[in-house]
Amino acid sequence: MAITFKDQVAIITGAGGGLGRCHALDLAKRGAKVVVNDLGGSVDGSTGGSLSPAEAVVEEIKAAGGEAMSNGASVTDKGQVEAMVKEVMDAYGRIDILINNAGILRDKSFTKVEDDDFRMVLEVHLMGTVNCTKAVWEIMREQNYGRIVVTSSSSGLYGNFGQTNYGSAKMGVVGLINTLKLEGAKYNIKCNALAPFAGTRMTEELPGMSDVLDQIKPDFVTPAVTYMVSEDAPTGVIMAAGAGVFARVMIHETMGINLGTGEDMTAENIASNWDQISDMKDAKPCYQGGEQAMKMFELIQNEKG
């Protein structure tokens, strides 16, 4: 069955180019009224502030028969974000979808990264996502419907040299949706994460990227987002997407071993049992933190039995 967004309103941050633009165009094509948010700044966030990129995407949407409005709020400025949300509510009366896509890069090895570079990347990716999500949360609760996507990265999930700041922020947004999926469940608010692989303004300068840009266009990621903000979307999911490949990322915990709380509970016994502790044979994902404790008590009870 076709996925449509007729009568729905979507806010997409950082949508003046790259991934955000592709998300905006696809949602608009499927009937959504789209708010194209973009500060219009440089890749490292040090300069800029132009509505031109956002306005260009709005014109694309309108030329194709869709409905859209531009907005230049900085996601790091809580007041500007709240003003954007008020403007959207005044214009459209509801907000169904939020796609947190805005970001900057300040890549340096941990030895060289400055405190300001670290904080600014966290401010944009993590706190920018928090600011936008917080601004729409009560609206979504009251209308008993909401779809939120955060943009994570393999750099956060697995690590990438020179990206301690970026990786920290990108894992942080996963922690955010892990709890929001629980708090939003009874209000029909679904929260998911995207881990994209695409050639964009932020990645085109990376080594080797120029050779494969045709294979990793941003358009080849967007179907994952469209699915994750649809009515029948899952919740609490991390989806990797790129070059037409879509995969689910899941955090699992091994069953582990029970060393007891007596004299056998030593670092030496952890070392000698490391292979068993690491054995993925009976590993399973936890949907919420309390399941980890339940699993531990289950293991203790099973061994007693």
C-alpha atoms as a PDB file:
ATOM      1  CA  MET A   1       0.000   0.000   0.000  1.00  0.00           C
ATOM      2  CA  ALA A   2       1.341   3.444  -0.901  1.00  0.00           C
ATOM      3  CA  ILE A   3       2.691   5.583   1.920  1.00  0.00           C
ATOM      4  CA  THR A   4       1.112   9.040   1.878  1.00  0.00           C
ATOM      5  CA  PHE A   5       1.225  12.080   4.135  1.00  0.00           C
ATOM      6  CA  LYS A   6      -1.899  13.917   3.002  1.00  0.00           C
ATOM      7  CA  ASP A   7      -2.947  16.606   5.526  1.00  0.00           C
ATOM      8  CA  GLN A   8       0.236  16.032   7.544  1.00  0.00           C
ATOM      9  CA  VAL A   9       2.851  18.658   8.411  1.00  0.00           C
ATOM     10  CA  ALA A  10       6.570  17.901   8.539  1.00  0.00           C
ATOM     11  CA  ILE A  11       9.471  19.968   9.859  1.00  0.00           C
ATOM     12  CA  ILE A  12      12.869  18.990   8.448  1.00  0.00           C
ATOM     13  CA  THR A  13      15.982  20.688   9.807  1.00  0.00           C
ATOM     14  CA  GLY A  14      19.033  21.245   7.638  1.00  0.00           C
ATOM     15  CA  ALA A  15      16.831  20.727   4.594  1.00  0.00           C
ATOM     16  CA  GLY A  16      18.436  23.313   2.319  1.00  0.00           C
ATOM     17  CA  GLY A  17      20.600  20.651   0.678  1.00  0.00           C
ATOM     18  CA  GLY A  18      21.883  17.092   0.857  1.00  0.00           C
ATOM     19  CA  LEU A  19      19.866  14.525   2.777  1.00  0.00           C
ATOM     20  CA  GLY A  20      17.392  17.027   4.215  1.00  0.00           C
ATOM     21  CA  ARG A  21      16.454  18.333   0.778  1.00  0.00           C
ATOM     22  CA  CYS A  22      15.805  14.792  -0.473  1.00  0.00           C
ATOM     23  CA  HIS A  23      13.661  14.012   2.575  1.00  0.00           C
ATOM     24  CA  ALA A  24      11.688  17.225   2.027  1.00  0.00           C
ATOM     25  CA  LEU A  25      11.069  16.581  -1.667  1.00  0.00           C
ATOM     26  CA  ASP A  26       9.861  13.018  -1.082  1.00  0.00           C
ATOM     27  CA  LEU A  27       7.505  13.899   1.777  1.00  0.00           C
ATOM     28  CA  ALA A  28       6.093  16.822  -0.227  1.00  0.00           C
ATOM     29  CA  LYS A  29       5.575  14.562  -3.245  1.00  0.00           C
ATOM     30  CA  ARG A  30       3.576  12.249  -0.975  1.00  0.00           C
ATOM     31  CA  GLY A  31       1.280  15.064   0.186  1.00  0.00           C
ATOM     32  CA  ALA A  32       2.936  16.548   3.286  1.00  0.00           C
ATOM     33  CA  LYS A  33       3.119  20.251   3.954  1.00  0.00           C
ATOM     34  CA  VAL A  34       6.851  20.690   4.500  1.00  0.00           C
ATOM     35  CA  VAL A  35       8.727  23.207   6.611  1.00  0.00           C
ATOM     36  CA  VAL A  36      12.205  23.513   5.109  1.00  0.00           C
ATOM     37  CA  ASN A  37      14.447  24.667   7.938  1.00  0.00           C
ATOM     38  CA  ASP A  38      18.030  25.657   7.174  1.00  0.00           C
ATOM     39  CA  LEU A  39      20.378  28.187   8.719  1.00  0.00           C
ATOM     40  CA  GLY A  40      22.316  28.414   5.471  1.00  0.00           C
ATOM     41  CA  GLY A  41      25.682  28.249   7.208  1.00  0.00           C
ATOM     42  CA  SER A  42      29.060  26.740   6.355  1.00  0.00           C
ATOM     43  CA  VAL A  43      29.824  23.058   6.914  1.00  0.00           C
ATOM     44  CA  ASP A  44      31.710  23.795  10.145  1.00  0.00           C
ATOM     45  CA  GLY A  45      29.032  26.201  11.373  1.00  0.00           C
ATOM     46  CA  SER A  46      31.459  29.120  11.604  1.00  0.00           C
ATOM     47  CA  THR A  47      29.921  31.359   8.951  1.00  0.00           C
ATOM     48  CA  GLY A  48      26.671  31.957   7.145  1.00  0.00           C
ATOM     49  CA  GLY A  49      23.052  32.587   7.835  1.00  0.00           C
ATOM     50  CA  SER A  50      21.154  32.707   4.562  1.00  0.00           C
ATOM     51  CA  LEU A  51      17.620  31.593   3.750  1.00  0.00           C
ATOM     52  CA  SER A  52      18.542  31.063   0.094  1.00  0.00           C
ATOM     53  CA  PRO A  53      19.124  27.267   0.287  1.00  0.00           C
ATOM     54  CA  ALA A  54      15.839  26.707   2.149  1.00  0.00           C
ATOM     55  CA  GLU A  55      13.917  28.999  -0.203  1.00  0.00           C
ATOM     56  CA  ALA A  56      15.331  27.165  -3.231  1.00  0.00           C
ATOM     57  CA  VAL A  57      13.976  23.851  -1.902  1.00  0.00           C
ATOM     58  CA  VAL A  58      10.596  25.453  -1.183  1.00  0.00           C
ATOM     59  CA  GLU A  59      10.472  26.655  -4.794  1.00  0.00           C
ATOM     60  CA  GLU A  60      11.276  23.128  -5.992  1.00  0.00           C
ATOM     61  CA  ILE A  61       8.411  21.746  -3.936  1.00  0.00           C
ATOM     62  CA  LYS A  62       5.966  24.405  -5.111  1.00  0.00           C
ATOM     63  CA  ALA A  63       7.006  23.937  -8.751  1.00  0.00           C
ATOM     64  CA  ALA A  64       6.078  20.266  -8.392  1.00  0.00           C
ATOM     65  CA  GLY A  65       2.653  21.185  -6.992  1.00  0.00           C
ATOM     66  CA  GLY A  66       3.452  20.766  -3.301  1.00  0.00           C
ATOM     67  CA  GLU A  67       3.088  23.057  -0.307  1.00  0.00           C
ATOM     68  CA  ALA A  68       6.056  24.291   1.739  1.00  0.00           C
ATOM     69  CA  MET A  69       7.487  27.155   3.761  1.00  0.00           C
ATOM     70  CA  SER A  70      11.080  28.091   4.575  1.00  0.00           C
ATOM     71  CA  ASN A  71      12.536  28.858   7.984  1.00  0.00           C
ATOM     72  CA  GLY A  72      16.012  30.001   8.993  1.00  0.00           C
ATOM     73  CA  ALA A  73      16.005  29.164  12.718  1.00  0.00           C
ATOM     74  CA  SER A  74      19.222  27.892  14.245  1.00  0.00           C
ATOM     75  CA  VAL A  75      18.546  24.582  15.995  1.00  0.00           C
ATOM     76  CA  THR A  76      20.970  25.655  18.735  1.00  0.00           C
ATOM     77  CA  ASP A  77      18.799  28.649  19.643  1.00  0.00           C
ATOM     78  CA  LYS A  78      15.856  27.479  21.739  1.00  0.00           C
ATOM     79  CA  GLY A  79      13.984  30.770  21.248  1.00  0.00           C
ATOM     80  CA  GLN A  80      14.315  30.611  17.467  1.00  0.00           C
ATOM     81  CA  VAL A  81      13.166  26.976  17.448  1.00  0.00           C
ATOM     82  CA  GLU A  82      10.106  27.801  19.561  1.00  0.00           C
ATOM     83  CA  ALA A  83       9.309  30.728  17.254  1.00  0.00           C
ATOM     84  CA  MET A  84       9.567  28.391  14.243  1.00  0.00           C
ATOM     85  CA  VAL A  85       7.144  25.932  15.834  1.00  0.00           C
ATOM     86  CA  LYS A  86       4.697  28.750  16.648  1.00  0.00           C
ATOM     87  CA  GLU A  87       4.904  29.972  13.038  1.00  0.00           C
ATOM     88  CA  VAL A  88       4.165  26.455  11.775  1.00  0.00           C
ATOM     89  CA  MET A  89       1.230  26.016  14.159  1.00  0.00           C
ATOM     90  CA  ASP A  90      -0.197  29.415  13.164  1.00  0.00           C
ATOM     91  CA  ALA A  91       0.060  28.458   9.491  1.00  0.00           C
ATOM     92  CA  TYR A  92      -0.957  24.800   9.545  1.00  0.00           C
ATOM     93  CA  GLY A  93      -2.440  24.023  12.983  1.00  0.00           C
ATOM     94  CA  ARG A  94      -0.526  20.801  13.578  1.00  0.00           C
ATOM     95  CA  ILE A  95       2.909  19.140  13.387  1.00  0.00           C
ATOM     96  CA  ASP A  96       2.991  15.433  12.605  1.00  0.00           C
ATOM     97  CA  ILE A  97       6.607  14.793  11.644  1.00  0.00           C
ATOM     98  CA  LEU A  98       9.985  16.075  12.805  1.00  0.00           C
ATOM     99  CA  ILE A  99      13.147  15.004  11.012  1.00  0.00           C
ATOM    100  CA  ASN A 100      16.255  16.158  12.869  1.00  0.00           C
ATOM    101  CA  ASN A 101      18.840  16.398  10.130  1.00  0.00           C
ATOM    102  CA  ALA A 102      20.820  19.623  10.736  1.00  0.00           C
ATOM    103  CA  GLY A 103      24.515  19.164  11.413  1.00  0.00           C
ATOM    104  CA  ILE A 104      28.064  20.482  11.176  1.00  0.00           C
ATOM    105  CA  LEU A 105      31.521  18.924  11.058  1.00  0.00           C
ATOM    106  CA  ARG A 106      34.668  19.919  12.911  1.00  0.00           C
ATOM    107  CA  ASP A 107      36.855  16.862  12.450  1.00  0.00           C
ATOM    108  CA  LYS A 108      40.147  16.662  14.324  1.00  0.00           C
ATOM    109  CA  SER A 109      41.949  13.911  16.198  1.00  0.00           C
ATOM    110  CA  PHE A 110      41.253  13.897  19.940  1.00  0.00           C
ATOM    111  CA  THR A 111      44.743  15.259  20.578  1.00  0.00           C
ATOM    112  CA  LYS A 112      44.023  18.326  18.455  1.00  0.00           C
ATOM    113  CA  VAL A 113      40.302  18.935  18.955  1.00  0.00           C
ATOM    114  CA  GLU A 114      39.589  22.098  20.926  1.00  0.00           C
ATOM    115  CA  ASP A 115      36.969  22.351  23.640  1.00  0.00           C
ATOM    116  CA  ASP A 116      34.938  24.797  21.510  1.00  0.00           C
ATOM    117  CA  ASP A 117      34.975  22.405  18.538  1.00  0.00           C
ATOM    118  CA  PHE A 118      33.708  19.599  20.750  1.00  0.00           C
ATOM    119  CA  ARG A 119      30.982  21.626  22.406  1.00  0.00           C
ATOM    120  CA  MET A 120      29.748  23.202  19.168  1.00  0.00           C
ATOM    121  CA  VAL A 121      29.307  19.844  17.446  1.00  0.00           C
ATOM    122  CA  LEU A 122      27.433  18.519  20.495  1.00  0.00           C
ATOM    123  CA  GLU A 123      25.363  21.714  20.569  1.00  0.00           C
ATOM    124  CA  VAL A 124      24.210  21.353  16.958  1.00  0.00           C
ATOM    125  CA  HIS A 125      23.705  17.596  16.666  1.00  0.00           C
ATOM    126  CA  LEU A 126      22.608  16.612  20.164  1.00  0.00           C
ATOM    127  CA  MET A 127      21.170  19.735  21.776  1.00  0.00           C
ATOM    128  CA  GLY A 128      19.788  20.947  18.440  1.00  0.00           C
ATOM    129  CA  THR A 129      17.874  17.676  18.212  1.00  0.00           C
ATOM    130  CA  VAL A 130      16.731  18.066  21.826  1.00  0.00           C
ATOM    131  CA  ASN A 131      15.582  21.666  21.229  1.00  0.00           C
ATOM    132  CA  CYS A 132      13.512  20.791  18.170  1.00  0.00           C
ATOM    133  CA  THR A 133      12.066  17.624  19.678  1.00  0.00           C
ATOM    134  CA  LYS A 134      11.161  19.383  22.923  1.00  0.00           C
ATOM    135  CA  ALA A 135       9.424  22.163  20.983  1.00  0.00           C
ATOM    136  CA  VAL A 136       7.059  19.736  19.197  1.00  0.00           C
ATOM    137  CA  TRP A 137       6.674  17.102  21.921  1.00  0.00           C
ATOM    138  CA  GLU A 138       3.610  18.511  23.716  1.00  0.00           C
ATOM    139  CA  ILE A 139       1.922  19.255  20.390  1.00  0.00           C
ATOM    140  CA  MET A 140       2.360  15.634  19.339  1.00  0.00           C
ATOM    141  CA  ARG A 141       1.171  14.362  22.726  1.00  0.00           C
ATOM    142  CA  GLU A 142      -1.973  16.474  22.590  1.00  0.00           C
ATOM    143  CA  GLN A 143      -2.864  15.423  19.047  1.00  0.00           C
ATOM    144  CA  ASN A 144      -2.014  11.789  19.940  1.00  0.00           C
ATOM    145  CA  TYR A 145       0.247  11.431  16.918  1.00  0.00           C
ATOM    146  CA  GLY A 146       3.872  12.096  16.103  1.00  0.00           C
ATOM    147  CA  ARG A 147       6.772  10.704  14.119  1.00  0.00           C
ATOM    148  CA  ILE A 148      10.325  11.760  14.997  1.00  0.00           C
ATOM    149  CA  VAL A 149      13.564  10.784  13.293  1.00  0.00           C
ATOM    150  CA  VAL A 150      17.031  11.643  14.581  1.00  0.00           C
ATOM    151  CA  THR A 151      20.133  11.385  12.429  1.00  0.00           C
ATOM    152  CA  SER A 152      22.824   9.166  13.908  1.00  0.00           C
ATOM    153  CA  SER A 153      25.952   7.875  12.164  1.00  0.00           C
ATOM    154  CA  SER A 154      28.261   4.890  11.906  1.00  0.00           C
ATOM    155  CA  SER A 155      30.815   7.249  13.491  1.00  0.00           C
ATOM    156  CA  GLY A 156      28.754   7.187  16.677  1.00  0.00           C
ATOM    157  CA  LEU A 157      27.661   3.563  16.504  1.00  0.00           C
ATOM    158  CA  TYR A 158      31.107   2.167  15.684  1.00  0.00           C
ATOM    159  CA  GLY A 159      33.662   5.004  15.731  1.00  0.00           C
ATOM    160  CA  ASN A 160      35.646   6.890  13.099  1.00  0.00           C
ATOM    161  CA  PHE A 161      39.134   8.379  13.374  1.00  0.00           C
ATOM    162  CA  GLY A 162      39.098  12.129  13.956  1.00  0.00           C
ATOM    163  CA  GLN A 163      35.426  12.287  14.958  1.00  0.00           C
ATOM    164  CA  THR A 164      35.263  12.021  18.742  1.00  0.00           C
ATOM    165  CA  ASN A 165      33.004  15.085  18.905  1.00  0.00           C
ATOM    166  CA  TYR A 166      30.737  14.018  16.042  1.00  0.00           C
ATOM    167  CA  GLY A 167      30.618  10.384  17.197  1.00  0.00           C
ATOM    168  CA  SER A 168      29.706  11.392  20.759  1.00  0.00           C
ATOM    169  CA  ALA A 169      26.827  13.529  19.495  1.00  0.00           C
ATOM    170  CA  LYS A 170      25.618  10.868  17.075  1.00  0.00           C
ATOM    171  CA  MET A 171      25.494   8.198  19.773  1.00  0.00           C
ATOM    172  CA  GLY A 172      23.812  10.720  22.075  1.00  0.00           C
ATOM    173  CA  VAL A 173      20.794  11.065  19.792  1.00  0.00           C
ATOM    174  CA  VAL A 174      20.345   7.273  19.908  1.00  0.00           C
ATOM    175  CA  GLY A 175      20.172   7.473  23.698  1.00  0.00           C
ATOM    176  CA  LEU A 176      17.556  10.200  23.306  1.00  0.00           C
ATOM    177  CA  ILE A 177      15.193   8.145  21.140  1.00  0.00           C
ATOM    178  CA  ASN A 178      15.737   5.022  23.249  1.00  0.00           C
ATOM    179  CA  THR A 179      13.850   6.758  26.058  1.00  0.00           C
ATOM    180  CA  LEU A 180      11.485   8.843  23.926  1.00  0.00           C
ATOM    181  CA  LYS A 181      10.147   5.651  22.312  1.00  0.00           C
ATOM    182  CA  LEU A 182       9.001   4.630  25.819  1.00  0.00           C
ATOM    183  CA  GLU A 183       7.625   8.011  26.907  1.00  0.00           C
ATOM    184  CA  GLY A 184       5.849   8.558  23.595  1.00  0.00           C
ATOM    185  CA  ALA A 185       4.311   5.094  23.209  1.00  0.00           C
ATOM    186  CA  LYS A 186       0.900   5.790  24.752  1.00  0.00           C
ATOM    187  CA  TYR A 187       0.587   8.990  22.709  1.00  0.00           C
ATOM    188  CA  ASN A 188       1.258   7.247  19.384  1.00  0.00           C
ATOM    189  CA  ILE A 189       4.600   9.037  19.045  1.00  0.00           C
ATOM    190  CA  LYS A 190       7.179   6.867  17.305  1.00  0.00           C
ATOM    191  CA  CYS A 191      10.877   7.741  17.445  1.00  0.00           C
ATOM    192  CA  ASN A 192      13.567   6.257  15.211  1.00  0.00           C
ATOM    193  CA  ALA A 193      17.174   6.871  14.172  1.00  0.00           C
ATOM    194  CA  LEU A 194      18.835   6.987  10.773  1.00  0.00           C
ATOM    195  CA  ALA A 195      22.483   6.061  10.202  1.00  0.00           C
ATOM    196  CA  PRO A 196      23.033   7.323   6.639  1.00  0.00           C
ATOM    197  CA  PHE A 197      25.814   6.730   4.138  1.00  0.00           C
ATOM    198  CA  ALA A 198      25.661   9.380   1.435  1.00  0.00           C
ATOM    199  CA  GLY A 199      27.695  11.847  -0.538  1.00  0.00           C
ATOM    200  CA  THR A 200      26.723  15.289   0.732  1.00  0.00           C
ATOM    201  CA  ARG A 201      28.356  18.645   1.330  1.00  0.00           C
ATOM    202  CA  MET A 202      29.535  17.272   4.685  1.00  0.00           C
ATOM    203  CA  THR A 203      31.154  14.120   3.278  1.00  0.00           C
ATOM    204  CA  GLU A 204      32.287  14.934  -0.259  1.00  0.00           C
ATOM    205  CA  GLU A 205      35.759  16.011   0.893  1.00  0.00           C
ATOM    206  CA  LEU A 206      36.473  12.739   2.708  1.00  0.00           C
ATOM    207  CA  PRO A 207      39.188  10.516   1.163  1.00  0.00           C
ATOM    208  CA  GLY A 208      37.915   8.350  -1.710  1.00  0.00           C
ATOM    209  CA  MET A 209      34.403   9.776  -1.713  1.00  0.00           C
ATOM    210  CA  SER A 210      34.665  11.511  -5.115  1.00  0.00           C
ATOM    211  CA  ASP A 211      35.052   8.119  -6.840  1.00  0.00           C
ATOM    212  CA  VAL A 212      31.729   6.757  -5.575  1.00  0.00           C
ATOM    213  CA  LEU A 213      29.450   9.822  -5.395  1.00  0.00           C
ATOM    214  CA  ASP A 214      27.138   8.504  -8.129  1.00  0.00           C
ATOM    215  CA  GLN A 215      26.503   5.361  -6.088  1.00  0.00           C
ATOM    216  CA  ILE A 216      25.820   7.103  -2.796  1.00  0.00           C
ATOM    217  CA  LYS A 217      23.450   9.926  -3.698  1.00  0.00           C
ATOM    218  CA  PRO A 218      21.343  11.291  -0.811  1.00  0.00           C
ATOM    219  CA  ASP A 219      18.211  10.181  -2.694  1.00  0.00           C
ATOM    220  CA  PHE A 220      19.264   6.584  -2.036  1.00  0.00           C
ATOM    221  CA  VAL A 221      18.871   7.108   1.740  1.00  0.00           C
ATOM    222  CA  THR A 222      15.519   8.913   1.870  1.00  0.00           C
ATOM    223  CA  PRO A 223      13.226   5.833   1.539  1.00  0.00           C
ATOM    224  CA  ALA A 224      14.389   4.782   5.028  1.00  0.00           C
ATOM    225  CA  VAL A 225      13.267   8.087   6.499  1.00  0.00           C
ATOM    226  CA  THR A 226       9.973   8.077   4.616  1.00  0.00           C
ATOM    227  CA  TYR A 227       9.225   4.642   6.081  1.00  0.00           C
ATOM    228  CA  MET A 228      10.286   5.619   9.621  1.00  0.00           C
ATOM    229  CA  VAL A 229       7.919   8.635   9.671  1.00  0.00           C
ATOM    230  CA  SER A 230       4.974   6.798   8.116  1.00  0.00           C
ATOM    231  CA  GLU A 231       1.814   5.872   9.990  1.00  0.00           C
ATOM    232  CA  ASP A 232       2.788   2.194  10.250  1.00  0.00           C
ATOM    233  CA  ALA A 233       6.417   2.873  11.209  1.00  0.00           C
ATOM    234  CA  PRO A 234       8.184   0.842  13.895  1.00  0.00           C
ATOM    235  CA  THR A 235       9.586   2.653  16.936  1.00  0.00           C
ATOM    236  CA  GLY A 236      12.960   2.627  18.649  1.00  0.00           C
ATOM    237  CA  VAL A 237      14.666   1.447  15.465  1.00  0.00           C
ATOM    238  CA  ILE A 238      18.114   2.398  14.154  1.00  0.00           C
ATOM    239  CA  MET A 239      18.235   1.960  10.384  1.00  0.00           C
ATOM    240  CA  ALA A 240      21.402   2.149   8.319  1.00  0.00           C
ATOM    241  CA  ALA A 241      20.844   3.289   4.744  1.00  0.00           C
ATOM    242  CA  GLY A 242      22.953   4.098   1.720  1.00  0.00           C
ATOM    243  CA  ALA A 243      23.423   3.227  -1.961  1.00  0.00           C
ATOM    244  CA  GLY A 244      20.038   1.484  -1.957  1.00  0.00           C
ATOM    245  CA  VAL A 245      21.022  -0.808   0.930  1.00  0.00           C
ATOM    246  CA  PHE A 246      18.895  -0.802   4.100  1.00  0.00           C
ATOM    247  CA  ALA A 247      19.828  -2.596   7.320  1.00  0.00           C
ATOM    248  CA  ARG A 248      18.691  -2.557  10.918  1.00  0.00           C
ATOM    249  CA  VAL A 249      21.244  -1.867  13.651  1.00  0.00           C
ATOM    250  CA  MET A 250      20.522  -3.578  16.967  1.00  0.00           C
ATOM    251  CA  ILE A 251      22.302  -3.405  20.318  1.00  0.00           C
ATOM    252  CA  HIS A 252      22.471  -6.859  21.905  1.00  0.00           C
ATOM    253  CA  GLU A 253      23.687  -8.081  25.275  1.00  0.00           C
ATOM    254  CA  THR A 254      25.241 -11.494  25.820  1.00  0.00           C
ATOM    255  CA  MET A 255      23.796 -13.775  28.470  1.00  0.00           C
ATOM    256  CA  GLY A 256      27.070 -13.539  30.371  1.00  0.00           C
ATOM    257  CA  ILE A 257      28.013 -15.589  33.418  1.00  0.00           C
ATOM    258  CA  ASN A 258      27.209 -15.472  37.110  1.00  0.00           C
ATOM    259  CA  LEU A 259      30.359 -15.445  39.227  1.00  0.00           C
ATOM    260  CA  GLY A 260      28.360 -14.967  42.401  1.00  0.00           C
ATOM    261  CA  THR A 261      29.186 -12.384  45.051  1.00  0.00           C
ATOM    262  CA  GLY A 262      31.699 -14.465  46.981  1.00  0.00           C
ATOM    263  CA  GLU A 263      35.365 -15.189  46.552  1.00  0.00           C
ATOM    264  CA  ASP A 264      34.941 -16.244  42.890  1.00  0.00           C
ATOM    265  CA  MET A 265      33.890 -12.695  41.917  1.00  0.00           C
ATOM    266  CA  THR A 266      37.307 -11.493  40.781  1.00  0.00           C
ATOM    267  CA  ALA A 267      38.808  -9.666  37.824  1.00  0.00           C
ATOM    268  CA  GLU A 268      40.942 -12.765  37.241  1.00  0.00           C
ATOM    269  CA  ASN A 269      37.831 -14.928  36.825  1.00  0.00           C
ATOM    270  CA  ILE A 270      36.395 -12.376  34.379  1.00  0.00           C
ATOM    271  CA  ALA A 271      39.610 -12.679  32.362  1.00  0.00           C
ATOM    272  CA  SER A 272      39.577 -16.489  32.367  1.00  0.00           C
ATOM    273  CA  ASN A 273      35.888 -16.584  31.360  1.00  0.00           C
ATOM    274  CA  TRP A 274      36.081 -13.793  28.790  1.00  0.00           C
ATOM    275  CA  ASP A 275      35.184 -16.030  25.840  1.00  0.00           C
ATOM    276  CA  GLN A 276      31.990 -17.192  27.553  1.00  0.00           C
ATOM    277  CA  ILE A 277      31.115 -13.653  28.645  1.00  0.00           C
ATOM    278  CA  SER A 278      31.537 -12.555  25.009  1.00  0.00           C
ATOM    279  CA  ASP A 279      29.608 -15.487  23.499  1.00  0.00           C
ATOM    280  CA  MET A 280      26.779 -14.119  21.343  1.00  0.00           C
ATOM    281  CA  LYS A 281      24.933 -17.452  21.149  1.00  0.00           C
ATOM    282  CA  ASP A 282      22.133 -16.459  23.542  1.00  0.00           C
ATOM    283  CA  ALA A 283      22.496 -12.683  23.132  1.00  0.00           C
ATOM    284  CA  LYS A 284      19.318 -10.649  22.887  1.00  0.00           C
ATOM    285  CA  PRO A 285      18.318  -6.999  22.591  1.00  0.00           C
ATOM    286  CA  CYS A 286      16.815  -5.104  25.523  1.00  0.00           C
ATOM    287  CA  TYR A 287      13.914  -2.768  24.768  1.00  0.00           C
ATOM    288  CA  GLN A 288      14.464  -0.761  27.939  1.00  0.00           C
ATOM    289  CA  GLY A 289      17.083  -0.533  30.672  1.00  0.00           C
ATOM    290  CA  GLY A 290      15.169  -2.566  33.257  1.00  0.00           C
ATOM    291  CA  GLU A 291      15.384  -5.663  31.058  1.00  0.00           C
ATOM    292  CA  GLN A 292      19.121  -5.806  31.716  1.00  0.00           C
ATOM    293  CA  ALA A 293      18.507  -6.189  35.451  1.00  0.00           C
ATOM    294  CA  MET A 294      15.771  -8.774  34.802  1.00  0.00           C
ATOM    295  CA  LYS A 295      18.168 -10.788  32.665  1.00  0.00           C
ATOM    296  CA  MET A 296      20.792 -10.753  35.433  1.00  0.00           C
ATOM    297  CA  PHE A 297      18.317 -12.011  38.033  1.00  0.00           C
ATOM    298  CA  GLU A 298      17.059 -14.625  35.550  1.00  0.00           C
ATOM    299  CA  LEU A 299      20.608 -15.928  35.145  1.00  0.00           C
ATOM    300  CA  ILE A 300      21.068 -16.109  38.903  1.00  0.00           C
ATOM    301  CA  GLN A 301      17.766 -17.952  39.391  1.00  0.00           C
ATOM    302  CA  ASN A 302      18.515 -20.416  36.583  1.00  0.00           C
ATOM    303  CA  GLU A 303      21.846 -21.319  38.104  1.00  0.00           C
ATOM    304  CA  LYS A 304      20.253 -21.761  41.531  1.00  0.00           C
ATOM    305  CA  GLY A 305      17.665 -24.073  40.000  1.00  0.00           C
END
